[in-house]
Amino acid sequence: MVLPAGDDPHASARELEPVGSVAPGHSRRRSFHGSPMMKYQFVTLIATILLVGATVIGVNLTIVDGRFAQVDSRFAQVDSRFAQVDARFEQVDARFEQVDARFERVEGRLDRLEARVERMDRRIDEGFREMAAAIGRLEGLIQGFHGTARTSGEEARAT
């Protein structure tokens, strides 16, 4: 007896045998190794699993690659920013060099001014000594002409 092919979607008319041909103690179903259709289903299942796995891996790699591209882009931005910061530091260093040169010029001017003040101070001291000497000579001349006379301040103290 042959069942129509529509009753079992996985069986063909050729695989089904009459009921009486099954040996006692054995089932009607054949083992995995005996059914070519089951082998194809298994191979199809494994192939499908492998394809799905490969697709998932491919999608994940694409996502990871996209993330790496984003990270590379971010690193490029950071490198660009570091280059800008380095350029700014170069400008600041150049400005500090200008300021240092200016301070050195100012320091030189202050040193020259200090030396000038010291020279003027010595000249003033020399001038006062010369004036004191000149006043002493004048007093000597006056005393030589008039003799020693008491001043009004000395007279007030004496009384």
N, C-alpha and C. Protein backbone atom coordinates (compact mmCIF):
# COMPACT_ATOMS: atom_id res chain seq x y z
N MET A 1 0.83 -1.17 0.00
CA MET A 1 0.00 0.00 0.00
C MET A 1 0.88 1.23 0.00
N VAL A 2 0.52 2.19 -0.81
CA VAL A 2 1.30 3.42 -0.95
C VAL A 2 0.41 4.58 -0.55
N LEU A 3 0.93 5.43 0.37
CA LEU A 3 0.19 6.63 0.79
C LEU A 3 0.44 7.74 -0.21
N PRO A 4 -0.54 8.59 -0.36
CA PRO A 4 -0.29 9.71 -1.27
C PRO A 4 0.81 10.62 -0.72
N ALA A 5 1.49 11.27 -1.61
CA ALA A 5 2.62 12.10 -1.22
C ALA A 5 2.19 13.30 -0.40
N GLY A 6 0.96 13.73 -0.45
CA GLY A 6 0.51 14.91 0.27
C GLY A 6 0.35 14.71 1.75
N ASP A 7 0.24 13.45 2.25
CA ASP A 7 0.03 13.22 3.68
C ASP A 7 1.28 13.52 4.49
N ASP A 8 2.42 13.17 4.00
CA ASP A 8 3.67 13.45 4.71
C ASP A 8 4.50 14.36 3.82
N PRO A 9 4.70 15.59 4.24
CA PRO A 9 5.39 16.52 3.35
C PRO A 9 6.84 16.15 3.11
N HIS A 10 7.42 15.32 3.99
CA HIS A 10 8.84 14.98 3.85
C HIS A 10 9.06 13.63 3.18
N ALA A 11 8.04 13.00 2.88
CA ALA A 11 8.18 11.66 2.30
C ALA A 11 7.73 11.67 0.85
N SER A 12 8.34 10.85 0.09
CA SER A 12 7.91 10.70 -1.30
C SER A 12 7.23 9.34 -1.44
N ALA A 13 6.55 9.13 -2.51
CA ALA A 13 5.83 7.87 -2.71
C ALA A 13 6.80 6.71 -2.78
N ARG A 14 7.97 6.92 -3.24
CA ARG A 14 8.95 5.87 -3.37
C ARG A 14 9.42 5.39 -2.00
N GLU A 15 9.51 6.30 -1.00
CA GLU A 15 10.00 5.93 0.32
C GLU A 15 8.98 5.10 1.10
N LEU A 16 7.73 5.32 0.86
CA LEU A 16 6.70 4.62 1.62
C LEU A 16 6.52 3.20 1.06
N GLU A 17 6.47 2.28 1.94
CA GLU A 17 6.32 0.89 1.52
C GLU A 17 5.01 0.36 2.07
N PRO A 18 4.56 -0.77 1.55
CA PRO A 18 3.33 -1.36 2.09
C PRO A 18 3.50 -1.71 3.55
N VAL A 19 2.39 -1.74 4.26
CA VAL A 19 2.39 -1.96 5.71
C VAL A 19 3.00 -3.31 6.05
N GLY A 20 2.80 -4.28 5.29
CA GLY A 20 3.27 -5.61 5.62
C GLY A 20 4.76 -5.80 5.48
N SER A 21 5.47 -4.86 4.90
CA SER A 21 6.89 -5.06 4.68
C SER A 21 7.74 -4.68 5.89
N VAL A 22 7.15 -4.17 6.98
CA VAL A 22 7.91 -3.78 8.16
C VAL A 22 8.18 -5.02 8.97
N ALA A 23 9.40 -5.24 9.33
CA ALA A 23 9.79 -6.41 10.11
C ALA A 23 9.25 -6.29 11.52
N PRO A 24 8.91 -7.44 12.15
CA PRO A 24 8.41 -7.36 13.52
C PRO A 24 9.48 -6.79 14.46
N GLY A 25 9.07 -5.85 15.38
CA GLY A 25 9.97 -5.21 16.32
C GLY A 25 10.63 -3.94 15.79
N HIS A 26 10.36 -3.62 14.53
CA HIS A 26 10.92 -2.39 13.95
C HIS A 26 9.80 -1.42 13.67
N SER A 27 10.10 -0.14 13.76
CA SER A 27 9.06 0.85 13.48
C SER A 27 9.05 1.15 12.00
N ARG A 28 8.04 1.86 11.60
CA ARG A 28 7.93 2.25 10.20
C ARG A 28 8.94 3.31 9.81
N ARG A 29 9.30 4.11 10.76
CA ARG A 29 10.25 5.18 10.43
C ARG A 29 11.63 4.61 10.23
N ARG A 30 12.28 5.17 9.31
CA ARG A 30 13.64 4.74 9.05
C ARG A 30 14.60 5.57 9.89
N SER A 31 15.78 5.06 10.09
CA SER A 31 16.78 5.80 10.86
C SER A 31 17.28 6.98 10.04
N PHE A 32 18.05 7.87 10.72
CA PHE A 32 18.57 9.05 10.07
C PHE A 32 19.44 8.68 8.87
N HIS A 33 20.19 7.61 9.03
CA HIS A 33 21.10 7.22 7.97
C HIS A 33 20.38 6.61 6.78
N GLY A 34 19.21 6.17 7.02
CA GLY A 34 18.50 5.53 5.93
C GLY A 34 17.66 6.47 5.11
N SER A 35 17.38 7.69 5.60
CA SER A 35 16.48 8.59 4.90
C SER A 35 17.28 9.69 4.21
N PRO A 36 17.31 9.69 2.90
CA PRO A 36 18.03 10.76 2.20
C PRO A 36 17.40 12.12 2.44
N MET A 37 16.08 12.18 2.62
CA MET A 37 15.41 13.45 2.86
C MET A 37 15.86 14.04 4.19
N MET A 38 16.00 13.22 5.22
CA MET A 38 16.44 13.71 6.52
C MET A 38 17.88 14.21 6.43
N LYS A 39 18.69 13.55 5.61
CA LYS A 39 20.07 14.02 5.44
C LYS A 39 20.07 15.41 4.82
N TYR A 40 19.23 15.61 3.82
CA TYR A 40 19.16 16.92 3.18
C TYR A 40 18.64 17.97 4.14
N GLN A 41 17.67 17.59 4.95
CA GLN A 41 17.15 18.54 5.94
C GLN A 41 18.24 18.92 6.93
N PHE A 42 19.00 17.93 7.37
CA PHE A 42 20.08 18.19 8.31
C PHE A 42 21.14 19.10 7.68
N VAL A 43 21.53 18.78 6.46
CA VAL A 43 22.53 19.60 5.76
C VAL A 43 22.00 21.01 5.56
N THR A 44 20.71 21.11 5.19
CA THR A 44 20.10 22.43 5.01
C THR A 44 20.09 23.20 6.32
N LEU A 45 19.75 22.50 7.41
CA LEU A 45 19.72 23.14 8.72
C LEU A 45 21.11 23.64 9.10
N ILE A 46 22.12 22.79 8.93
CA ILE A 46 23.49 23.18 9.27
C ILE A 46 23.94 24.33 8.38
N ALA A 47 23.64 24.25 7.08
CA ALA A 47 24.02 25.32 6.16
C ALA A 47 23.33 26.62 6.55
N THR A 48 22.05 26.53 6.92
CA THR A 48 21.31 27.72 7.34
C THR A 48 21.91 28.32 8.60
N ILE A 49 22.23 27.45 9.57
CA ILE A 49 22.85 27.94 10.81
C ILE A 49 24.19 28.61 10.51
N LEU A 50 24.98 27.97 9.63
CA LEU A 50 26.27 28.56 9.28
C LEU A 50 26.11 29.89 8.56
N LEU A 51 25.14 29.95 7.64
CA LEU A 51 24.91 31.20 6.91
C LEU A 51 24.42 32.30 7.85
N VAL A 52 23.51 31.94 8.76
CA VAL A 52 23.02 32.93 9.73
C VAL A 52 24.18 33.39 10.61
N GLY A 53 24.99 32.43 11.06
CA GLY A 53 26.15 32.79 11.88
C GLY A 53 27.11 33.69 11.13
N ALA A 54 27.37 33.34 9.86
CA ALA A 54 28.27 34.17 9.06
C ALA A 54 27.68 35.56 8.85
N THR A 55 26.36 35.61 8.64
CA THR A 55 25.70 36.91 8.47
C THR A 55 25.80 37.74 9.74
N VAL A 56 25.55 37.09 10.88
CA VAL A 56 25.65 37.81 12.16
C VAL A 56 27.07 38.30 12.38
N ILE A 57 28.04 37.43 12.08
CA ILE A 57 29.44 37.84 12.24
C ILE A 57 29.75 38.99 11.29
N GLY A 58 29.26 38.90 10.05
CA GLY A 58 29.50 39.97 9.09
C GLY A 58 28.88 41.28 9.53
N VAL A 59 27.64 41.20 10.05
CA VAL A 59 26.98 42.42 10.53
C VAL A 59 27.77 43.00 11.70
N ASN A 60 28.17 42.12 12.63
CA ASN A 60 28.94 42.60 13.78
C ASN A 60 30.26 43.22 13.34
N LEU A 61 30.93 42.58 12.37
CA LEU A 61 32.18 43.14 11.88
C LEU A 61 31.95 44.49 11.20
N THR A 62 30.85 44.61 10.48
CA THR A 62 30.52 45.89 9.85
C THR A 62 30.28 46.96 10.90
N ILE A 63 29.55 46.58 11.96
CA ILE A 63 29.29 47.54 13.04
C ILE A 63 30.60 47.92 13.72
N VAL A 64 31.43 46.91 14.01
CA VAL A 64 32.71 47.18 14.66
C VAL A 64 33.59 48.03 13.75
N ASP A 65 33.58 47.73 12.45
CA ASP A 65 34.36 48.51 11.51
C ASP A 65 33.88 49.96 11.50
N GLY A 66 32.57 50.14 11.54
CA GLY A 66 32.01 51.49 11.63
C GLY A 66 32.46 52.20 12.89
N ARG A 67 32.47 51.46 14.00
CA ARG A 67 32.94 52.05 15.27
C ARG A 67 34.41 52.42 15.17
N PHE A 68 35.20 51.53 14.55
CA PHE A 68 36.62 51.84 14.38
C PHE A 68 36.80 53.09 13.52
N ALA A 69 35.96 53.22 12.49
CA ALA A 69 36.03 54.41 11.65
C ALA A 69 35.70 55.65 12.48
N GLN A 70 34.69 55.54 13.36
CA GLN A 70 34.35 56.67 14.23
C GLN A 70 35.50 56.98 15.17
N VAL A 71 36.10 55.93 15.72
CA VAL A 71 37.23 56.13 16.65
C VAL A 71 38.41 56.76 15.90
N ASP A 72 38.68 56.27 14.68
CA ASP A 72 39.76 56.86 13.89
C ASP A 72 39.48 58.33 13.59
N SER A 73 38.22 58.63 13.26
CA SER A 73 37.84 60.01 13.01
C SER A 73 38.05 60.86 14.26
N ARG A 74 37.67 60.31 15.40
CA ARG A 74 37.83 61.05 16.67
C ARG A 74 39.32 61.26 16.98
N PHE A 75 40.13 60.22 16.73
CA PHE A 75 41.57 60.37 16.94
C PHE A 75 42.14 61.44 16.01
N ALA A 76 41.64 61.49 14.78
CA ALA A 76 42.09 62.53 13.85
C ALA A 76 41.72 63.91 14.38
N GLN A 77 40.50 64.03 14.94
CA GLN A 77 40.10 65.31 15.53
C GLN A 77 40.99 65.67 16.71
N VAL A 78 41.29 64.67 17.54
CA VAL A 78 42.15 64.92 18.71
C VAL A 78 43.55 65.32 18.25
N ASP A 79 44.08 64.62 17.23
CA ASP A 79 45.39 64.98 16.70
C ASP A 79 45.39 66.40 16.16
N SER A 80 44.31 66.76 15.46
CA SER A 80 44.19 68.11 14.93
C SER A 80 44.18 69.13 16.07
N ARG A 81 43.44 68.81 17.12
CA ARG A 81 43.37 69.71 18.28
C ARG A 81 44.74 69.83 18.95
N PHE A 82 45.46 68.70 19.06
CA PHE A 82 46.80 68.75 19.63
C PHE A 82 47.72 69.61 18.77
N ALA A 83 47.56 69.52 17.46
CA ALA A 83 48.38 70.34 16.57
C ALA A 83 48.07 71.82 16.80
N GLN A 84 46.78 72.15 16.98
CA GLN A 84 46.39 73.53 17.27
C GLN A 84 46.98 73.99 18.60
N VAL A 85 46.91 73.11 19.60
CA VAL A 85 47.46 73.45 20.92
C VAL A 85 48.97 73.64 20.83
N ASP A 86 49.64 72.76 20.08
CA ASP A 86 51.09 72.90 19.91
C ASP A 86 51.43 74.22 19.22
N ALA A 87 50.65 74.58 18.20
CA ALA A 87 50.88 75.85 17.52
C ALA A 87 50.67 77.02 18.48
N ARG A 88 49.65 76.91 19.31
CA ARG A 88 49.39 77.97 20.29
C ARG A 88 50.53 78.06 21.30
N PHE A 89 51.05 76.91 21.74
CA PHE A 89 52.19 76.93 22.65
C PHE A 89 53.40 77.57 21.99
N GLU A 90 53.59 77.32 20.70
CA GLU A 90 54.69 77.95 19.99
C GLU A 90 54.52 79.47 20.00
N GLN A 91 53.28 79.93 19.77
CA GLN A 91 53.01 81.37 19.81
C GLN A 91 53.29 81.93 21.20
N VAL A 92 52.85 81.20 22.23
CA VAL A 92 53.07 81.66 23.61
C VAL A 92 54.56 81.69 23.91
N ASP A 93 55.29 80.66 23.48
CA ASP A 93 56.74 80.64 23.69
C ASP A 93 57.41 81.83 23.01
N ALA A 94 57.00 82.12 21.79
CA ALA A 94 57.56 83.27 21.07
C ALA A 94 57.25 84.56 21.83
N ARG A 95 56.03 84.66 22.33
CA ARG A 95 55.65 85.85 23.10
C ARG A 95 56.48 85.96 24.38
N PHE A 96 56.70 84.84 25.06
CA PHE A 96 57.54 84.86 26.26
C PHE A 96 58.96 85.31 25.92
N GLU A 97 59.46 84.86 24.79
CA GLU A 97 60.80 85.29 24.38
C GLU A 97 60.83 86.79 24.14
N GLN A 98 59.77 87.33 23.52
CA GLN A 98 59.68 88.78 23.32
C GLN A 98 59.65 89.50 24.67
N VAL A 99 58.83 88.98 25.59
CA VAL A 99 58.72 89.61 26.91
C VAL A 99 60.05 89.52 27.65
N ASP A 100 60.73 88.36 27.55
CA ASP A 100 62.04 88.23 28.19
C ASP A 100 63.03 89.25 27.63
N ALA A 101 63.04 89.40 26.32
CA ALA A 101 63.94 90.38 25.70
C ALA A 101 63.59 91.79 26.18
N ARG A 102 62.31 92.06 26.29
CA ARG A 102 61.89 93.39 26.76
C ARG A 102 62.32 93.61 28.20
N PHE A 103 62.14 92.59 29.05
CA PHE A 103 62.58 92.72 30.44
C PHE A 103 64.09 92.92 30.53
N GLU A 104 64.82 92.23 29.67
CA GLU A 104 66.27 92.42 29.67
C GLU A 104 66.63 93.85 29.28
N ARG A 105 65.93 94.40 28.30
CA ARG A 105 66.17 95.80 27.92
C ARG A 105 65.83 96.73 29.07
N VAL A 106 64.68 96.47 29.73
CA VAL A 106 64.27 97.30 30.86
C VAL A 106 65.28 97.16 32.00
N GLU A 107 65.74 95.93 32.23
CA GLU A 107 66.72 95.71 33.28
C GLU A 107 68.02 96.46 32.97
N GLY A 108 68.43 96.45 31.72
CA GLY A 108 69.62 97.22 31.32
C GLY A 108 69.41 98.70 31.56
N ARG A 109 68.23 99.20 31.20
CA ARG A 109 67.93 100.62 31.44
C ARG A 109 67.96 100.94 32.93
N LEU A 110 67.36 100.04 33.74
CA LEU A 110 67.37 100.27 35.19
C LEU A 110 68.79 100.25 35.74
N ASP A 111 69.62 99.35 35.24
CA ASP A 111 71.02 99.32 35.68
C ASP A 111 71.73 100.62 35.32
N ARG A 112 71.51 101.10 34.09
CA ARG A 112 72.13 102.37 33.68
C ARG A 112 71.60 103.53 34.52
N LEU A 113 70.28 103.51 34.80
CA LEU A 113 69.69 104.56 35.62
C LEU A 113 70.25 104.53 37.04
N GLU A 114 70.41 103.33 37.59
CA GLU A 114 70.98 103.19 38.93
C GLU A 114 72.41 103.71 38.97
N ALA A 115 73.19 103.37 37.95
CA ALA A 115 74.57 103.87 37.88
C ALA A 115 74.58 105.39 37.78
N ARG A 116 73.65 105.91 37.02
CA ARG A 116 73.55 107.37 36.86
C ARG A 116 73.19 108.04 38.18
N VAL A 117 72.22 107.44 38.91
CA VAL A 117 71.83 107.99 40.22
C VAL A 117 73.01 107.94 41.18
N GLU A 118 73.76 106.85 41.16
CA GLU A 118 74.94 106.75 42.03
C GLU A 118 75.97 107.82 41.68
N ARG A 119 76.19 108.04 40.38
CA ARG A 119 77.13 109.10 39.96
C ARG A 119 76.64 110.47 40.43
N MET A 120 75.32 110.70 40.27
CA MET A 120 74.76 111.99 40.70
C MET A 120 74.88 112.13 42.22
N ASP A 121 74.65 111.05 42.96
CA ASP A 121 74.76 111.08 44.42
C ASP A 121 76.20 111.41 44.82
N ARG A 122 77.17 110.79 44.16
CA ARG A 122 78.58 111.10 44.45
C ARG A 122 78.90 112.56 44.11
N ARG A 123 78.38 113.02 42.99
CA ARG A 123 78.63 114.42 42.60
C ARG A 123 78.00 115.38 43.60
N ILE A 124 76.78 115.04 44.09
CA ILE A 124 76.13 115.90 45.09
C ILE A 124 76.94 115.90 46.38
N ASP A 125 77.38 114.68 46.80
CA ASP A 125 78.22 114.61 48.00
C ASP A 125 79.51 115.42 47.82
N GLU A 126 80.14 115.29 46.66
CA GLU A 126 81.35 116.07 46.38
C GLU A 126 81.04 117.56 46.39
N GLY A 127 79.89 117.91 45.81
CA GLY A 127 79.48 119.32 45.79
C GLY A 127 79.27 119.85 47.20
N PHE A 128 78.62 119.05 48.08
CA PHE A 128 78.43 119.49 49.46
C PHE A 128 79.78 119.62 50.18
N ARG A 129 80.69 118.68 49.93
CA ARG A 129 82.01 118.77 50.56
C ARG A 129 82.75 120.03 50.06
N GLU A 130 82.64 120.25 48.75
CA GLU A 130 83.27 121.47 48.21
C GLU A 130 82.65 122.71 48.80
N MET A 131 81.29 122.70 48.93
CA MET A 131 80.61 123.86 49.53
C MET A 131 81.04 124.03 50.99
N ALA A 132 81.15 122.91 51.72
CA ALA A 132 81.57 123.00 53.13
C ALA A 132 82.99 123.54 53.21
N ALA A 133 83.85 123.07 52.30
CA ALA A 133 85.23 123.57 52.29
C ALA A 133 85.25 125.05 51.93
N ALA A 134 84.42 125.42 50.93
CA ALA A 134 84.35 126.83 50.52
C ALA A 134 83.82 127.69 51.66
N ILE A 135 82.79 127.21 52.37
CA ILE A 135 82.24 127.95 53.50
C ILE A 135 83.30 128.08 54.59
N GLY A 136 84.04 126.99 54.83
CA GLY A 136 85.12 127.05 55.82
C GLY A 136 86.18 128.06 55.43
N ARG A 137 86.54 128.11 54.16
CA ARG A 137 87.52 129.09 53.70
C ARG A 137 86.98 130.50 53.85
N LEU A 138 85.68 130.66 53.49
CA LEU A 138 85.07 131.98 53.65
C LEU A 138 85.08 132.41 55.12
N GLU A 139 84.73 131.49 56.01
CA GLU A 139 84.73 131.81 57.43
C GLU A 139 86.15 132.19 57.88
N GLY A 140 87.12 131.43 57.35
CA GLY A 140 88.52 131.75 57.69
C GLY A 140 88.91 133.13 57.20
N LEU A 141 88.48 133.44 55.97
CA LEU A 141 88.77 134.78 55.42
C LEU A 141 88.09 135.86 56.24
N ILE A 142 86.81 135.60 56.58
CA ILE A 142 86.06 136.60 57.36
C ILE A 142 86.73 136.79 58.72
N GLN A 143 87.11 135.70 59.34
CA GLN A 143 87.74 135.81 60.65
C GLN A 143 89.11 136.48 60.52
N GLY A 144 89.75 136.23 59.40
CA GLY A 144 91.06 136.88 59.19
C GLY A 144 90.91 138.39 59.05
N PHE A 145 89.85 138.84 58.43
CA PHE A 145 89.64 140.27 58.25
C PHE A 145 89.09 140.91 59.51
N HIS A 146 88.13 140.28 60.14
CA HIS A 146 87.42 140.92 61.24
C HIS A 146 87.79 140.36 62.60
N GLY A 147 88.47 139.32 62.67
CA GLY A 147 88.77 138.70 63.95
C GLY A 147 87.61 137.82 64.37
N THR A 148 87.77 137.19 65.47
CA THR A 148 86.69 136.32 65.92
C THR A 148 85.66 137.16 66.62
N ALA A 149 84.50 137.23 66.14
CA ALA A 149 83.40 138.00 66.74
C ALA A 149 82.35 137.03 67.19
N ARG A 150 81.70 137.41 68.25
CA ARG A 150 80.64 136.55 68.76
C ARG A 150 79.37 136.85 67.98
N THR A 151 78.66 135.77 67.69
CA THR A 151 77.38 135.95 67.02
C THR A 151 76.33 136.20 68.06
N SER A 152 75.17 136.69 67.63
CA SER A 152 74.08 136.98 68.58
C SER A 152 73.62 135.71 69.27
N GLY A 153 73.67 134.59 68.63
CA GLY A 153 73.29 133.32 69.25
C GLY A 153 74.28 132.93 70.33
N GLU A 154 75.56 133.16 70.08
CA GLU A 154 76.57 132.83 71.08
C GLU A 154 76.47 133.76 72.27
N GLU A 155 76.13 135.04 72.05
CA GLU A 155 75.98 136.00 73.13
C GLU A 155 74.80 135.64 74.01
N ALA A 156 73.71 135.20 73.44
CA ALA A 156 72.52 134.82 74.21
C ALA A 156 72.82 133.61 75.07
N ARG A 157 73.62 132.72 74.60
CA ARG A 157 73.95 131.53 75.38
C ARG A 157 74.91 131.88 76.53
N ALA A 158 75.74 132.83 76.30
CA ALA A 158 76.71 133.20 77.32
C ALA A 158 76.04 133.90 78.50
N THR A 159 75.01 134.58 78.33
CA THR A 159 74.34 135.27 79.42
C THR A 159 73.38 134.44 80.14
